[in-house]
Amino acid sequence: MAEAAERLLDASTLCAIATVAPNGGAYINTAYFARSTNLDLVWLSEPAANHSRNVRSEGTVAVAVYDSGQSWGKPDRGIQLFGSAWEAAGAGAADAKTVYANRFPDYLREDVGAFRFYVFHPSRLKLFDERELGAGRFVIARVDDSGRLSWEGTEIYRSGRHS
């Protein structure tokens, strides 16, 4: 399960970050991300952006990563992660920079000025990989602070019914 999650996170460099605004409204943003060994995700963003303000205000975040080269009717795969995020500071910012630079070394040559690193730690995830797990099978797991997964349940979707 952990290896499948890591493969899914490594399959794409982009993620969709869903945040909640202080007024309860939903907001979504796409960003390049890198993952740490404990399944934390790191992205670089402008602190004044809506999603960055929402992270500072609420901290509740959901992230989706999927292989965008998929075709209808072929085996699909993707991962949804649910947890909390924060703007990295101090030693956490240095760690986030290392994780991000390991995946995107060209970033070091860019002037990112006011941008800051954000760290997301999932507490739950839902993954599907039809080649590995079977058609319509979604595995749900808890994620501890070290990134270790523990199976929580499996949902199976078939045309016309849900198990």
Protein backbone atom coordinates (compact mmCIF):
# COMPACT_ATOMS: atom_id res chain seq x y z
CA MET A 1 0.00 0.00 0.00
CA ALA A 2 2.80 2.44 0.91
CA GLU A 3 4.73 1.59 -2.26
CA ALA A 4 1.60 2.14 -4.37
CA ALA A 5 1.07 5.54 -2.71
CA GLU A 6 4.69 6.56 -3.34
CA ARG A 7 4.49 5.45 -6.99
CA LEU A 8 1.30 7.46 -7.47
CA LEU A 9 2.85 10.55 -5.90
CA ASP A 10 5.94 10.15 -8.08
CA ALA A 11 3.85 9.71 -11.26
CA SER A 12 3.00 13.40 -11.54
CA THR A 13 4.73 16.62 -10.64
CA LEU A 14 1.46 18.55 -10.33
CA CYS A 15 -1.17 18.36 -7.64
CA ALA A 16 -4.53 20.02 -7.07
CA ILE A 17 -4.69 21.67 -3.64
CA ALA A 18 -8.16 22.24 -2.19
CA THR A 19 -8.46 24.69 0.70
CA VAL A 20 -11.27 26.23 2.71
CA ALA A 21 -11.63 30.01 2.97
CA PRO A 22 -12.52 31.66 6.30
CA ASN A 23 -16.08 32.21 4.99
CA GLY A 24 -16.39 28.46 4.33
CA GLY A 25 -15.96 28.72 0.56
CA ALA A 26 -13.89 26.20 -1.35
CA TYR A 27 -10.81 27.12 -3.38
CA ILE A 28 -8.54 24.98 -5.53
CA ASN A 29 -5.07 25.61 -6.93
CA THR A 30 -2.63 23.58 -8.98
CA ALA A 31 1.04 23.52 -7.99
CA TYR A 32 4.25 21.60 -8.56
CA PHE A 33 5.00 19.46 -5.53
CA ALA A 34 7.64 17.18 -4.07
CA ARG A 35 7.18 14.52 -1.41
CA SER A 36 9.31 13.76 1.59
CA THR A 37 10.03 10.26 2.89
CA ASN A 38 7.19 10.58 5.44
CA LEU A 39 4.63 11.44 2.71
CA ASP A 40 4.63 15.17 3.46
CA LEU A 41 4.07 17.18 0.30
CA VAL A 42 5.92 20.43 -0.29
CA TRP A 43 5.04 23.21 -2.73
CA LEU A 44 6.25 26.72 -3.39
CA SER A 45 3.72 29.54 -3.47
CA GLU A 46 3.13 33.25 -3.12
CA PRO A 47 1.92 34.02 0.45
CA ALA A 48 -0.74 36.45 -0.86
CA ALA A 49 -2.38 33.78 -3.07
CA ASN A 50 -5.87 32.67 -1.99
CA HIS A 51 -4.79 29.12 -1.19
CA SER A 52 -1.83 30.36 0.88
CA ARG A 53 -4.07 32.69 2.89
CA ASN A 54 -6.52 29.83 3.39
CA VAL A 55 -3.73 27.56 4.64
CA ARG A 56 -2.66 30.18 7.18
CA SER A 57 -6.28 30.74 8.24
CA GLU A 58 -7.76 27.24 8.31
CA GLY A 59 -4.97 24.72 7.63
CA THR A 60 -7.42 22.03 6.44
CA VAL A 61 -6.37 20.83 3.00
CA ALA A 62 -7.13 18.07 0.51
CA VAL A 63 -4.76 17.22 -2.33
CA ALA A 64 -5.36 15.17 -5.47
CA VAL A 65 -2.62 13.72 -7.66
CA TYR A 66 -3.33 11.72 -10.78
CA ASP A 67 -1.67 10.58 -13.94
CA SER A 68 -2.96 13.12 -16.47
CA GLY A 69 -2.02 10.90 -19.42
CA GLN A 70 -4.82 8.45 -18.69
CA SER A 71 -7.42 7.47 -21.29
CA TRP A 72 -11.11 6.78 -20.80
CA GLY A 73 -11.79 3.06 -20.55
CA LYS A 74 -8.22 2.12 -19.68
CA PRO A 75 -6.98 1.29 -16.14
CA ASP A 76 -6.90 4.46 -14.03
CA ARG A 77 -4.87 5.51 -11.04
CA GLY A 78 -4.71 8.42 -8.66
CA ILE A 79 -4.50 9.42 -5.01
CA GLN A 80 -6.44 11.78 -2.78
CA LEU A 81 -4.90 12.97 0.48
CA PHE A 82 -6.59 14.71 3.40
CA GLY A 83 -4.83 16.53 6.21
CA SER A 84 -3.34 19.82 7.29
CA ALA A 85 -0.86 22.28 5.80
CA TRP A 86 1.23 25.16 7.03
CA GLU A 87 3.74 27.71 5.79
CA ALA A 88 7.20 26.34 6.53
CA ALA A 89 9.45 28.42 8.77
CA GLY A 90 12.96 28.15 10.18
CA ALA A 91 14.47 24.66 10.00
CA GLY A 92 11.19 23.41 8.48
CA ALA A 93 11.64 25.81 5.57
CA ALA A 94 15.21 24.59 5.02
CA ASP A 95 13.99 20.97 5.03
CA ALA A 96 11.17 21.85 2.61
CA LYS A 97 13.65 23.58 0.30
CA THR A 98 15.83 20.46 0.23
CA VAL A 99 12.88 18.19 -0.58
CA TYR A 100 11.67 20.54 -3.32
CA ALA A 101 15.14 21.08 -4.83
CA ASN A 102 15.73 17.31 -4.96
CA ARG A 103 12.75 16.98 -7.30
CA PHE A 104 13.11 20.30 -9.12
CA PRO A 105 16.80 21.26 -9.17
CA ASP A 106 16.15 23.97 -11.79
CA TYR A 107 14.12 25.86 -9.21
CA LEU A 108 17.40 26.88 -7.55
CA ARG A 109 18.27 29.00 -10.60
CA GLU A 110 14.99 30.93 -10.45
CA ASP A 111 14.28 34.12 -8.54
CA VAL A 112 11.36 33.07 -6.37
CA GLY A 113 11.59 36.21 -4.21
CA ALA A 114 8.50 36.43 -2.05
CA PHE A 115 7.44 32.81 -2.55
CA ARG A 116 7.38 30.54 0.49
CA PHE A 117 7.35 26.81 1.04
CA TYR A 118 4.21 25.10 2.28
CA VAL A 119 4.11 21.66 3.84
CA PHE A 120 1.11 19.34 3.80
CA HIS A 121 0.91 16.30 6.06
CA PRO A 122 -1.83 13.82 5.23
CA SER A 123 -3.75 12.12 8.01
CA ARG A 124 -5.72 9.96 5.56
CA LEU A 125 -5.44 8.95 1.94
CA LYS A 126 -7.56 7.23 -0.66
CA LEU A 127 -5.75 5.58 -3.53
CA PHE A 128 -6.78 3.74 -6.62
CA ASP A 129 -4.62 1.92 -9.09
CA GLU A 130 -6.74 -0.33 -11.26
CA ARG A 131 -3.74 -2.23 -12.64
CA GLU A 132 -2.49 -3.08 -9.17
CA LEU A 133 -5.66 -3.16 -7.04
CA GLY A 134 -8.39 -4.06 -9.53
CA ALA A 135 -11.14 -2.11 -11.26
CA GLY A 136 -13.18 0.28 -9.15
CA ARG A 137 -11.21 -0.50 -5.96
CA PHE A 138 -10.30 2.40 -3.65
CA VAL A 139 -8.06 1.70 -0.66
CA ILE A 140 -8.36 4.06 2.31
CA ALA A 141 -5.56 4.36 4.87
CA ARG A 142 -4.60 6.40 7.90
CA VAL A 143 -1.20 8.11 7.82
CA ASP A 144 0.77 8.54 11.04
CA ASP A 145 3.33 11.30 11.70
CA SER A 146 6.17 9.20 10.29
CA GLY A 147 4.24 8.54 7.04
CA ARG A 148 3.40 4.93 7.93
CA LEU A 149 0.08 3.73 6.50
CA SER A 150 -2.52 1.60 8.21
CA TRP A 151 -5.38 0.18 6.20
CA GLU A 152 -8.76 1.64 7.13
CA GLY A 153 -11.04 0.19 4.48
CA THR A 154 -11.67 -0.61 0.84
CA GLU A 155 -14.46 0.74 -1.32
CA ILE A 156 -15.45 -1.13 -4.45
CA TYR A 157 -17.47 0.62 -7.13
CA ARG A 158 -19.26 -1.30 -9.81
CA SER A 159 -21.66 0.05 -12.37
CA GLY A 160 -24.91 0.79 -10.56
CA ARG A 161 -23.76 -0.10 -7.04
CA HIS A 162 -21.21 0.68 -4.35
CA SER A 163 -19.81 -1.89 -1.90
